[in-house]
Amino acid sequence: MIIPWQSLDPETLENIIEAFVLREGTDYGEHERSFSDKVSQVKHQLERGDAVLVWSELHETVNIMPRDQFRG
């Protein structure tokens, strides 16, 4: 189930994004980015609709994933 990121308290959204960035082993290209840059990048992806917040009832977790990979 997609969770509308706009419905979350800004601090809650920030915490979810930070936790996601900390656990992801994502390659950001040739140049390493700072933690704050990575958080900002994920937030912009959510704002543009390129990424979505997803609630897993099975695992009772929230994740961020590319919209085109979500099959709900």
C-alpha atoms as a PDB file:
ATOM      1  CA  MET A   1       0.000   0.000   0.000  1.00  0.00           C
ATOM      2  CA  ILE A   2       1.345   3.421  -0.958  1.00  0.00           C
ATOM      3  CA  ILE A   3       1.467   5.974   1.844  1.00  0.00           C
ATOM      4  CA  PRO A   4       1.064   9.571   0.606  1.00  0.00           C
ATOM      5  CA  TRP A   5       4.252  11.246   1.840  1.00  0.00           C
ATOM      6  CA  GLN A   6       2.356  14.557   2.128  1.00  0.00           C
ATOM      7  CA  SER A   7       0.175  13.072   4.875  1.00  0.00           C
ATOM      8  CA  LEU A   8       3.131  12.505   7.205  1.00  0.00           C
ATOM      9  CA  ASP A   9       4.451  14.924   9.767  1.00  0.00           C
ATOM     10  CA  PRO A  10       7.603  16.501   8.226  1.00  0.00           C
ATOM     11  CA  GLU A  11       9.780  15.193  11.066  1.00  0.00           C
ATOM     12  CA  THR A  12       8.420  11.659  10.600  1.00  0.00           C
ATOM     13  CA  LEU A  13       9.083  11.825   6.862  1.00  0.00           C
ATOM     14  CA  GLU A  14      12.617  13.059   7.488  1.00  0.00           C
ATOM     15  CA  ASN A  15      13.249  10.185   9.920  1.00  0.00           C
ATOM     16  CA  ILE A  16      11.960   7.610   7.423  1.00  0.00           C
ATOM     17  CA  ILE A  17      14.146   9.022   4.643  1.00  0.00           C
ATOM     18  CA  GLU A  18      17.213   9.129   6.913  1.00  0.00           C
ATOM     19  CA  ALA A  19      16.682   5.515   8.000  1.00  0.00           C
ATOM     20  CA  PHE A  20      16.290   4.497   4.349  1.00  0.00           C
ATOM     21  CA  VAL A  21      19.497   6.271   3.300  1.00  0.00           C
ATOM     22  CA  LEU A  22      21.423   4.726   6.194  1.00  0.00           C
ATOM     23  CA  ARG A  23      20.377   1.168   5.324  1.00  0.00           C
ATOM     24  CA  GLU A  24      20.607   1.398   1.548  1.00  0.00           C
ATOM     25  CA  GLY A  25      23.801   0.372  -0.189  1.00  0.00           C
ATOM     26  CA  THR A  26      22.900   2.507  -3.159  1.00  0.00           C
ATOM     27  CA  ASP A  27      25.515   3.542  -5.678  1.00  0.00           C
ATOM     28  CA  TYR A  28      25.242   7.277  -6.302  1.00  0.00           C
ATOM     29  CA  GLY A  29      27.566   7.282  -9.303  1.00  0.00           C
ATOM     30  CA  GLU A  30      31.166   8.328  -9.668  1.00  0.00           C
ATOM     31  CA  HIS A  31      31.050  10.940  -6.929  1.00  0.00           C
ATOM     32  CA  GLU A  32      30.139  10.072  -3.361  1.00  0.00           C
ATOM     33  CA  ARG A  33      27.456  12.318  -1.922  1.00  0.00           C
ATOM     34  CA  SER A  34      27.088  13.545   1.643  1.00  0.00           C
ATOM     35  CA  PHE A  35      24.399  12.096   3.879  1.00  0.00           C
ATOM     36  CA  SER A  36      22.369  15.308   3.675  1.00  0.00           C
ATOM     37  CA  ASP A  37      22.634  15.298  -0.135  1.00  0.00           C
ATOM     38  CA  LYS A  38      21.358  11.709  -0.247  1.00  0.00           C
ATOM     39  CA  VAL A  39      18.438  12.574   2.051  1.00  0.00           C
ATOM     40  CA  SER A  40      17.604  15.590  -0.110  1.00  0.00           C
ATOM     41  CA  GLN A  41      17.796  13.506  -3.284  1.00  0.00           C
ATOM     42  CA  VAL A  42      15.366  10.894  -1.914  1.00  0.00           C
ATOM     43  CA  LYS A  43      12.971  13.617  -0.756  1.00  0.00           C
ATOM     44  CA  HIS A  44      12.986  15.170  -4.233  1.00  0.00           C
ATOM     45  CA  GLN A  45      12.281  11.768  -5.771  1.00  0.00           C
ATOM     46  CA  LEU A  46       9.230  11.446  -3.517  1.00  0.00           C
ATOM     47  CA  GLU A  47       8.093  14.979  -4.377  1.00  0.00           C
ATOM     48  CA  ARG A  48       8.418  14.315  -8.127  1.00  0.00           C
ATOM     49  CA  GLY A  49       6.586  11.016  -7.817  1.00  0.00           C
ATOM     50  CA  ASP A  50       9.584   8.988  -8.999  1.00  0.00           C
ATOM     51  CA  ALA A  51       9.661   7.171  -5.641  1.00  0.00           C
ATOM     52  CA  VAL A  52       6.892   6.120  -3.263  1.00  0.00           C
ATOM     53  CA  LEU A  53       6.527   5.256   0.423  1.00  0.00           C
ATOM     54  CA  VAL A  54       5.227   1.723   0.728  1.00  0.00           C
ATOM     55  CA  TRP A  55       3.699   0.008   3.772  1.00  0.00           C
ATOM     56  CA  SER A  56       4.148  -3.761   3.907  1.00  0.00           C
ATOM     57  CA  GLU A  57       1.382  -5.373   5.914  1.00  0.00           C
ATOM     58  CA  LEU A  58       3.251  -8.671   5.840  1.00  0.00           C
ATOM     59  CA  HIS A  59       6.442  -7.243   7.357  1.00  0.00           C
ATOM     60  CA  GLU A  60       4.847  -4.246   9.090  1.00  0.00           C
ATOM     61  CA  THR A  61       7.498  -1.946   7.648  1.00  0.00           C
ATOM     62  CA  VAL A  62       7.729   1.213   5.576  1.00  0.00           C
ATOM     63  CA  ASN A  63      10.052   1.312   2.594  1.00  0.00           C
ATOM     64  CA  ILE A  64      10.889   3.739  -0.186  1.00  0.00           C
ATOM     65  CA  MET A  65      11.011   2.351  -3.675  1.00  0.00           C
ATOM     66  CA  PRO A  66      10.941   3.504  -7.290  1.00  0.00           C
ATOM     67  CA  ARG A  67       7.349   3.977  -8.424  1.00  0.00           C
ATOM     68  CA  ASP A  68       7.863   1.751 -11.457  1.00  0.00           C
ATOM     69  CA  GLN A  69       8.895  -1.160  -9.203  1.00  0.00           C
ATOM     70  CA  PHE A  70       5.837  -0.956  -6.964  1.00  0.00           C
ATOM     71  CA  ARG A  71       3.326  -3.687  -7.654  1.00  0.00           C
ATOM     72  CA  GLY A  72       0.419  -3.143  -5.320  1.00  0.00           C
END
